[in-house]
Amino acid sequence: MPARLRAAGPADAADIHRLIVDLATYEREPDAVEVTVDTLRDQLASERPPFECLLAEDDDGAVVGFALYFHNYSTWRGRPGLYLEDLFVDPAARGRGIGKQLLVRLAQLAVERGCARMDWAVLDWNAPAIAFYESLGARAVADWTIFRLTGPALSDLARTT
């Protein structure tokens, strides 16, 4: 049975946080979540929130999935893109097409907003997710490697003169 999708607001911060923690646990990083419910609430209530979030609700109104995203920009195409940071559906709610519902709605938003593309990353060991994304027509970008600066490396580079 399909879920009801809706945009998240500040009052949804606790549900979003719970799903972020569940996703981190699934991705074998249960202690990596630093964001708090209060931070999420404040960010969603800000004049220019740093992210948007779609929530999937069950028939009883329980939040069973989410897609957290934001806009990036393609310099080559001269148009915005939509970056999917996190997609997660509670294990008990899987197999009902909720993940696909969330991705379809994101694709619709991307098209409505004039985006040139949708991007996201997936862990290389997550075969079920890779197969799911490929079934929707998504393709891995094999020629690119993701780089990241965090913690002391980010601070050290920022102090470089």
C-alpha atoms as a PDB file:
ATOM      1  CA  MET A   1       0.000   0.000   0.000  1.00  0.00           C
ATOM      2  CA  PRO A   2       1.473   3.381  -0.945  1.00  0.00           C
ATOM      3  CA  ALA A   3       2.430   5.895   1.700  1.00  0.00           C
ATOM      4  CA  ARG A   4       1.289   9.488   1.941  1.00  0.00           C
ATOM      5  CA  LEU A   5       4.158  11.841   1.091  1.00  0.00           C
ATOM      6  CA  ARG A   6       4.510  15.325   2.502  1.00  0.00           C
ATOM      7  CA  ALA A   7       7.129  17.997   3.014  1.00  0.00           C
ATOM      8  CA  ALA A   8       8.731  18.027   6.445  1.00  0.00           C
ATOM      9  CA  GLY A   9       8.601  21.017   8.741  1.00  0.00           C
ATOM     10  CA  PRO A  10      10.206  21.967  12.050  1.00  0.00           C
ATOM     11  CA  ALA A  11       7.698  19.858  14.017  1.00  0.00           C
ATOM     12  CA  ASP A  12       9.018  16.752  12.216  1.00  0.00           C
ATOM     13  CA  ALA A  13      12.572  17.075  13.543  1.00  0.00           C
ATOM     14  CA  ALA A  14      12.287  14.144  15.970  1.00  0.00           C
ATOM     15  CA  ASP A  15      11.022  11.788  13.250  1.00  0.00           C
ATOM     16  CA  ILE A  16      13.753  12.908  10.856  1.00  0.00           C
ATOM     17  CA  HIS A  17      16.379  12.423  13.558  1.00  0.00           C
ATOM     18  CA  ARG A  18      15.087   8.925  14.326  1.00  0.00           C
ATOM     19  CA  LEU A  19      15.318   7.966  10.656  1.00  0.00           C
ATOM     20  CA  ILE A  20      18.822   9.453  10.352  1.00  0.00           C
ATOM     21  CA  VAL A  21      19.935   7.351  13.327  1.00  0.00           C
ATOM     22  CA  ASP A  22      18.272   4.248  11.839  1.00  0.00           C
ATOM     23  CA  LEU A  23      20.029   4.881   8.522  1.00  0.00           C
ATOM     24  CA  ALA A  24      23.396   5.346  10.249  1.00  0.00           C
ATOM     25  CA  THR A  25      22.863   2.060  12.072  1.00  0.00           C
ATOM     26  CA  TYR A  26      22.001   0.310   8.791  1.00  0.00           C
ATOM     27  CA  GLU A  27      25.131   1.807   7.215  1.00  0.00           C
ATOM     28  CA  ARG A  28      27.256   0.413  10.081  1.00  0.00           C
ATOM     29  CA  GLU A  29      27.992   3.848  11.578  1.00  0.00           C
ATOM     30  CA  PRO A  30      25.619   4.003  14.563  1.00  0.00           C
ATOM     31  CA  ASP A  31      27.817   6.408  16.538  1.00  0.00           C
ATOM     32  CA  ALA A  32      28.484   8.818  13.652  1.00  0.00           C
ATOM     33  CA  VAL A  33      25.327  10.923  14.006  1.00  0.00           C
ATOM     34  CA  GLU A  34      26.149  14.284  15.566  1.00  0.00           C
ATOM     35  CA  VAL A  35      23.054  16.245  14.550  1.00  0.00           C
ATOM     36  CA  THR A  36      20.417  16.772  17.226  1.00  0.00           C
ATOM     37  CA  VAL A  37      16.663  17.116  17.076  1.00  0.00           C
ATOM     38  CA  ASP A  38      17.020  20.769  18.123  1.00  0.00           C
ATOM     39  CA  THR A  39      19.500  21.470  15.316  1.00  0.00           C
ATOM     40  CA  LEU A  40      17.204  19.915  12.718  1.00  0.00           C
ATOM     41  CA  ARG A  41      14.219  21.834  14.081  1.00  0.00           C
ATOM     42  CA  ASP A  42      16.128  25.139  14.024  1.00  0.00           C
ATOM     43  CA  GLN A  43      17.421  24.505  10.506  1.00  0.00           C
ATOM     44  CA  LEU A  44      13.976  23.667   9.151  1.00  0.00           C
ATOM     45  CA  ALA A  45      12.574  26.788  10.807  1.00  0.00           C
ATOM     46  CA  SER A  46      15.271  29.068   9.407  1.00  0.00           C
ATOM     47  CA  GLU A  47      14.651  31.590   6.647  1.00  0.00           C
ATOM     48  CA  ARG A  48      16.802  29.549   4.239  1.00  0.00           C
ATOM     49  CA  PRO A  49      16.836  25.927   5.427  1.00  0.00           C
ATOM     50  CA  PRO A  50      19.996  24.069   4.320  1.00  0.00           C
ATOM     51  CA  PHE A  51      17.904  21.081   3.238  1.00  0.00           C
ATOM     52  CA  GLU A  52      14.413  19.936   2.376  1.00  0.00           C
ATOM     53  CA  CYS A  53      12.882  16.649   3.374  1.00  0.00           C
ATOM     54  CA  LEU A  54      10.037  14.477   2.131  1.00  0.00           C
ATOM     55  CA  LEU A  55       8.374  12.213   4.653  1.00  0.00           C
ATOM     56  CA  ALA A  56       6.446   9.035   3.951  1.00  0.00           C
ATOM     57  CA  GLU A  57       3.591   8.293   6.326  1.00  0.00           C
ATOM     58  CA  ASP A  58       1.782   5.030   6.929  1.00  0.00           C
ATOM     59  CA  ASP A  59      -2.024   4.815   7.067  1.00  0.00           C
ATOM     60  CA  ASP A  60      -1.929   5.581  10.795  1.00  0.00           C
ATOM     61  CA  GLY A  61       0.194   8.719  10.262  1.00  0.00           C
ATOM     62  CA  ALA A  62       3.450   7.168  11.473  1.00  0.00           C
ATOM     63  CA  VAL A  63       6.525   8.386   9.597  1.00  0.00           C
ATOM     64  CA  VAL A  64       8.092   5.320   7.947  1.00  0.00           C
ATOM     65  CA  GLY A  65      10.542   6.845   5.489  1.00  0.00           C
ATOM     66  CA  PHE A  66      12.286   9.974   4.345  1.00  0.00           C
ATOM     67  CA  ALA A  67      14.274  11.575   1.569  1.00  0.00           C
ATOM     68  CA  LEU A  68      16.500  14.470   2.638  1.00  0.00           C
ATOM     69  CA  TYR A  69      17.789  16.623  -0.223  1.00  0.00           C
ATOM     70  CA  PHE A  70      19.127  20.011  -1.282  1.00  0.00           C
ATOM     71  CA  HIS A  71      20.068  21.836  -4.456  1.00  0.00           C
ATOM     72  CA  ASN A  72      23.495  21.880  -6.046  1.00  0.00           C
ATOM     73  CA  TYR A  73      24.543  23.434  -9.342  1.00  0.00           C
ATOM     74  CA  SER A  74      25.887  22.118 -12.645  1.00  0.00           C
ATOM     75  CA  THR A  75      28.344  24.619 -14.097  1.00  0.00           C
ATOM     76  CA  TRP A  76      28.461  22.756 -17.398  1.00  0.00           C
ATOM     77  CA  ARG A  77      24.710  22.749 -17.815  1.00  0.00           C
ATOM     78  CA  GLY A  78      24.119  26.105 -16.153  1.00  0.00           C
ATOM     79  CA  ARG A  79      21.218  24.712 -14.163  1.00  0.00           C
ATOM     80  CA  PRO A  80      20.536  23.550 -10.638  1.00  0.00           C
ATOM     81  CA  GLY A  81      20.628  19.919  -9.656  1.00  0.00           C
ATOM     82  CA  LEU A  82      18.953  18.035  -6.852  1.00  0.00           C
ATOM     83  CA  TYR A  83      21.230  16.138  -4.469  1.00  0.00           C
ATOM     84  CA  LEU A  84      19.692  13.333  -2.436  1.00  0.00           C
ATOM     85  CA  GLU A  85      21.655  13.149   0.808  1.00  0.00           C
ATOM     86  CA  ASP A  86      19.657  10.379   2.478  1.00  0.00           C
ATOM     87  CA  LEU A  87      16.874   7.980   1.537  1.00  0.00           C
ATOM     88  CA  PHE A  88      15.609   5.492   4.098  1.00  0.00           C
ATOM     89  CA  VAL A  89      12.506   3.400   4.690  1.00  0.00           C
ATOM     90  CA  ASP A  90      11.899   1.574   7.960  1.00  0.00           C
ATOM     91  CA  PRO A  91      12.624  -2.151   7.433  1.00  0.00           C
ATOM     92  CA  ALA A  92       9.083  -3.059   8.527  1.00  0.00           C
ATOM     93  CA  ALA A  93       7.655  -0.822   5.775  1.00  0.00           C
ATOM     94  CA  ARG A  94       9.882  -2.030   2.949  1.00  0.00           C
ATOM     95  CA  GLY A  95       8.590  -3.920  -0.070  1.00  0.00           C
ATOM     96  CA  ARG A  96       5.587  -1.623  -0.491  1.00  0.00           C
ATOM     97  CA  GLY A  97       7.124   0.764  -3.008  1.00  0.00           C
ATOM     98  CA  ILE A  98       7.727   3.613  -0.558  1.00  0.00           C
ATOM     99  CA  GLY A  99      11.343   4.139  -1.633  1.00  0.00           C
ATOM    100  CA  LYS A 100      10.226   4.343  -5.242  1.00  0.00           C
ATOM    101  CA  GLN A 101       7.434   6.757  -4.292  1.00  0.00           C
ATOM    102  CA  LEU A 102       9.973   9.039  -2.640  1.00  0.00           C
ATOM    103  CA  LEU A 103      12.314   8.923  -5.648  1.00  0.00           C
ATOM    104  CA  VAL A 104       9.483   9.523  -8.107  1.00  0.00           C
ATOM    105  CA  ARG A 105       8.411  12.600  -6.155  1.00  0.00           C
ATOM    106  CA  LEU A 106      12.007  13.855  -6.025  1.00  0.00           C
ATOM    107  CA  ALA A 107      12.304  13.391  -9.791  1.00  0.00           C
ATOM    108  CA  GLN A 108       9.069  15.350 -10.219  1.00  0.00           C
ATOM    109  CA  LEU A 109      10.413  18.154  -8.024  1.00  0.00           C
ATOM    110  CA  ALA A 110      13.683  18.183  -9.971  1.00  0.00           C
ATOM    111  CA  VAL A 111      11.820  18.510 -13.275  1.00  0.00           C
ATOM    112  CA  GLU A 112       9.426  21.154 -11.882  1.00  0.00           C
ATOM    113  CA  ARG A 113      12.390  23.184 -10.614  1.00  0.00           C
ATOM    114  CA  GLY A 114      14.331  22.974 -13.874  1.00  0.00           C
ATOM    115  CA  CYS A 115      17.080  20.747 -12.508  1.00  0.00           C
ATOM    116  CA  ALA A 116      19.512  19.218 -14.980  1.00  0.00           C
ATOM    117  CA  ARG A 117      20.071  16.093 -12.881  1.00  0.00           C
ATOM    118  CA  MET A 118      19.636  14.223  -9.629  1.00  0.00           C
ATOM    119  CA  ASP A 119      22.692  12.876  -7.834  1.00  0.00           C
ATOM    120  CA  TRP A 120      23.313  10.734  -4.776  1.00  0.00           C
ATOM    121  CA  ALA A 121      25.910   8.389  -3.356  1.00  0.00           C
ATOM    122  CA  VAL A 122      25.453   4.796  -2.264  1.00  0.00           C
ATOM    123  CA  LEU A 123      27.828   2.590  -0.313  1.00  0.00           C
ATOM    124  CA  ASP A 124      29.533   0.101  -2.609  1.00  0.00           C
ATOM    125  CA  TRP A 125      28.498  -2.862  -0.417  1.00  0.00           C
ATOM    126  CA  ASN A 126      24.787  -1.946  -0.484  1.00  0.00           C
ATOM    127  CA  ALA A 127      23.812  -4.310  -3.308  1.00  0.00           C
ATOM    128  CA  PRO A 128      20.035  -4.085  -2.693  1.00  0.00           C
ATOM    129  CA  ALA A 129      20.102  -0.276  -2.979  1.00  0.00           C
ATOM    130  CA  ILE A 130      22.321  -0.377  -6.078  1.00  0.00           C
ATOM    131  CA  ALA A 131      20.009  -2.873  -7.769  1.00  0.00           C
ATOM    132  CA  PHE A 132      16.989  -0.757  -6.819  1.00  0.00           C
ATOM    133  CA  TYR A 133      18.507   2.448  -8.237  1.00  0.00           C
ATOM    134  CA  GLU A 134      19.570   0.689 -11.424  1.00  0.00           C
ATOM    135  CA  SER A 135      16.046  -0.698 -11.852  1.00  0.00           C
ATOM    136  CA  LEU A 136      14.834   2.917 -11.964  1.00  0.00           C
ATOM    137  CA  GLY A 137      17.301   3.834 -14.712  1.00  0.00           C
ATOM    138  CA  ALA A 138      20.009   5.388 -12.529  1.00  0.00           C
ATOM    139  CA  ARG A 139      23.603   4.610 -13.426  1.00  0.00           C
ATOM    140  CA  ALA A 140      26.749   4.693 -11.318  1.00  0.00           C
ATOM    141  CA  VAL A 141      29.209   7.408 -12.277  1.00  0.00           C
ATOM    142  CA  ALA A 142      32.301   5.228 -12.461  1.00  0.00           C
ATOM    143  CA  ASP A 143      34.802   7.893 -13.486  1.00  0.00           C
ATOM    144  CA  TRP A 144      34.398  10.022 -10.370  1.00  0.00           C
ATOM    145  CA  THR A 145      35.713   9.546  -6.838  1.00  0.00           C
ATOM    146  CA  ILE A 146      34.103  11.349  -3.926  1.00  0.00           C
ATOM    147  CA  PHE A 147      36.481  13.347  -1.723  1.00  0.00           C
ATOM    148  CA  ARG A 148      35.690  14.741   1.705  1.00  0.00           C
ATOM    149  CA  LEU A 149      37.374  17.054   4.197  1.00  0.00           C
ATOM    150  CA  THR A 150      36.170  16.852   7.797  1.00  0.00           C
ATOM    151  CA  GLY A 151      37.416  17.538  11.296  1.00  0.00           C
ATOM    152  CA  PRO A 152      41.074  18.509  11.698  1.00  0.00           C
ATOM    153  CA  ALA A 153      41.819  18.201   7.959  1.00  0.00           C
ATOM    154  CA  LEU A 154      39.103  20.744   7.171  1.00  0.00           C
ATOM    155  CA  SER A 155      40.263  23.065   9.946  1.00  0.00           C
ATOM    156  CA  ASP A 156      43.907  22.737   8.933  1.00  0.00           C
ATOM    157  CA  LEU A 157      43.160  23.594   5.322  1.00  0.00           C
ATOM    158  CA  ALA A 158      41.035  26.572   6.379  1.00  0.00           C
ATOM    159  CA  ARG A 159      44.001  27.946   8.342  1.00  0.00           C
ATOM    160  CA  THR A 160      46.419  27.557   5.419  1.00  0.00           C
ATOM    161  CA  THR A 161      47.812  30.825   4.154  1.00  0.00           C
END
